[in-house]
């Protein structure tokens, strides 16, 4: 389902972690954190707030 979602969202990034189960954020925390930090480091412009979210 991650691949399908990635294909539907233009400009999205898909990171695949081999052997990652449903609870990947607990079982592979180091890998998930590294992928997330690498992704966030690629941002070149500040994030803007989304109306209606706080």
N, C-alpha and C. Protein backbone atom coordinates (compact mmCIF):
# COMPACT_ATOMS: atom_id res chain seq x y z
N UNK A 1 0.82 -1.20 0.00
CA UNK A 1 0.00 0.00 0.00
C UNK A 1 0.86 1.26 0.00
N UNK A 2 2.06 1.19 0.55
CA UNK A 2 2.94 2.34 0.53
C UNK A 2 3.32 2.73 -0.88
N UNK A 3 3.58 1.75 -1.72
CA UNK A 3 3.94 2.01 -3.13
C UNK A 3 2.76 2.64 -3.85
N UNK A 4 1.55 2.12 -3.62
CA UNK A 4 0.36 2.69 -4.27
C UNK A 4 0.16 4.14 -3.85
N UNK A 5 0.31 4.41 -2.56
CA UNK A 5 0.15 5.77 -2.06
C UNK A 5 1.20 6.68 -2.68
N UNK A 6 2.43 6.23 -2.70
CA UNK A 6 3.52 7.00 -3.31
C UNK A 6 3.21 7.33 -4.77
N UNK A 7 2.70 6.35 -5.50
CA UNK A 7 2.38 6.57 -6.92
C UNK A 7 1.27 7.59 -7.11
N UNK A 8 0.38 7.72 -6.13
CA UNK A 8 -0.75 8.64 -6.25
C UNK A 8 -0.43 10.07 -5.81
N UNK A 9 0.64 10.26 -5.05
CA UNK A 9 0.97 11.59 -4.53
C UNK A 9 2.16 12.15 -5.29
N UNK A 10 1.87 13.13 -6.14
CA UNK A 10 2.93 13.75 -6.95
C UNK A 10 3.98 14.38 -6.05
N UNK A 11 5.24 14.13 -6.36
CA UNK A 11 6.34 14.71 -5.61
C UNK A 11 6.66 14.00 -4.31
N UNK A 12 5.97 12.88 -4.04
CA UNK A 12 6.23 12.16 -2.80
C UNK A 12 7.55 11.40 -2.85
N UNK A 13 8.02 11.02 -1.68
CA UNK A 13 9.24 10.23 -1.55
C UNK A 13 8.89 8.93 -0.85
N UNK A 14 9.38 7.83 -1.36
CA UNK A 14 9.14 6.52 -0.75
C UNK A 14 10.46 5.95 -0.26
N UNK A 15 10.52 5.63 1.01
CA UNK A 15 11.71 4.99 1.59
C UNK A 15 11.31 3.57 1.98
N UNK A 16 12.02 2.59 1.44
CA UNK A 16 11.74 1.19 1.75
C UNK A 16 12.82 0.67 2.68
N UNK A 17 12.41 0.12 3.81
CA UNK A 17 13.34 -0.46 4.76
C UNK A 17 13.11 -1.97 4.75
N UNK A 18 14.10 -2.70 4.24
CA UNK A 18 13.97 -4.15 4.10
C UNK A 18 13.63 -4.81 5.44
N UNK A 19 12.67 -5.72 5.40
CA UNK A 19 12.29 -6.47 6.59
C UNK A 19 11.44 -5.70 7.56
N UNK A 20 10.98 -4.52 7.16
CA UNK A 20 10.19 -3.69 8.06
C UNK A 20 8.76 -4.20 8.20
N UNK A 21 8.35 -4.57 9.43
CA UNK A 21 6.99 -5.04 9.66
C UNK A 21 6.03 -3.87 9.87
N UNK A 22 4.78 -4.17 10.20
CA UNK A 22 3.76 -3.14 10.41
C UNK A 22 4.19 -2.14 11.49
N UNK A 23 4.81 -2.58 12.55
CA UNK A 23 5.24 -1.70 13.64
C UNK A 23 6.68 -1.23 13.47
N UNK A 24 7.02 -0.85 12.25
CA UNK A 24 8.42 -0.53 11.91
C UNK A 24 9.01 0.59 12.76
N UNK A 25 8.19 1.52 13.23
CA UNK A 25 8.75 2.62 14.02
C UNK A 25 9.32 2.14 15.35
N UNK A 26 8.90 0.96 15.81
CA UNK A 26 9.45 0.40 17.04
C UNK A 26 10.55 -0.62 16.76
N UNK A 27 10.35 -1.44 15.73
CA UNK A 27 11.31 -2.51 15.47
C UNK A 27 12.56 -2.04 14.73
N UNK A 28 12.44 -0.95 13.97
CA UNK A 28 13.56 -0.44 13.18
C UNK A 28 13.71 1.07 13.40
N UNK A 29 13.61 1.49 14.65
CA UNK A 29 13.60 2.92 14.99
C UNK A 29 14.80 3.66 14.43
N UNK A 30 15.97 3.09 14.51
CA UNK A 30 17.17 3.75 13.99
C UNK A 30 17.09 4.01 12.50
N UNK A 31 16.61 3.03 11.75
CA UNK A 31 16.48 3.19 10.30
C UNK A 31 15.42 4.25 9.96
N UNK A 32 14.29 4.18 10.65
CA UNK A 32 13.21 5.15 10.40
C UNK A 32 13.69 6.56 10.72
N UNK A 33 14.34 6.74 11.85
CA UNK A 33 14.83 8.06 12.23
C UNK A 33 15.84 8.60 11.22
N UNK A 34 16.74 7.74 10.74
CA UNK A 34 17.74 8.17 9.76
C UNK A 34 17.05 8.62 8.48
N UNK A 35 16.08 7.84 7.99
CA UNK A 35 15.36 8.20 6.77
C UNK A 35 14.62 9.53 6.96
N UNK A 36 13.98 9.69 8.11
CA UNK A 36 13.24 10.92 8.39
C UNK A 36 14.16 12.13 8.47
N UNK A 37 15.27 12.00 9.18
CA UNK A 37 16.22 13.11 9.28
C UNK A 37 16.83 13.46 7.93
N UNK A 38 17.15 12.46 7.13
CA UNK A 38 17.69 12.72 5.78
C UNK A 38 16.66 13.45 4.93
N UNK A 39 15.40 13.04 5.03
CA UNK A 39 14.33 13.70 4.27
C UNK A 39 14.17 15.16 4.70
N UNK A 40 14.12 15.39 6.00
CA UNK A 40 13.93 16.75 6.50
C UNK A 40 15.11 17.65 6.16
N UNK A 41 16.31 17.10 6.11
CA UNK A 41 17.50 17.87 5.78
C UNK A 41 17.48 18.36 4.33
N UNK A 42 16.68 17.74 3.48
CA UNK A 42 16.61 18.12 2.08
C UNK A 42 15.75 19.36 1.85
N UNK A 43 14.97 19.77 2.85
CA UNK A 43 14.10 20.95 2.68
C UNK A 43 14.95 22.19 2.50
N UNK A 44 14.59 23.00 1.53
CA UNK A 44 15.34 24.23 1.28
C UNK A 44 14.53 25.48 1.60
N UNK A 45 13.24 25.32 1.82
CA UNK A 45 12.41 26.47 2.16
C UNK A 45 11.65 26.17 3.45
N UNK A 46 11.35 27.21 4.23
CA UNK A 46 10.64 26.99 5.49
C UNK A 46 9.25 26.41 5.24
N UNK A 47 8.80 25.60 6.18
CA UNK A 47 7.45 25.05 6.09
C UNK A 47 6.45 26.13 6.45
N UNK A 48 5.30 26.10 5.81
CA UNK A 48 4.23 27.06 6.08
C UNK A 48 3.11 26.36 6.84
N UNK A 49 2.47 27.07 7.78
CA UNK A 49 1.35 26.45 8.51
C UNK A 49 0.19 26.15 7.56
N UNK A 50 -0.57 25.14 7.90
CA UNK A 50 -1.74 24.76 7.12
C UNK A 50 -2.96 25.32 7.83
N UNK A 51 -3.81 26.05 7.11
CA UNK A 51 -5.01 26.65 7.70
C UNK A 51 -5.87 25.57 8.35
N UNK A 52 -6.34 25.84 9.55
CA UNK A 52 -7.22 24.92 10.25
C UNK A 52 -6.50 23.91 11.12
N UNK A 53 -5.18 23.86 11.03
CA UNK A 53 -4.41 22.94 11.88
C UNK A 53 -3.60 23.75 12.88
N UNK A 54 -3.52 23.24 14.08
CA UNK A 54 -2.71 23.95 15.08
C UNK A 54 -1.72 23.03 15.72
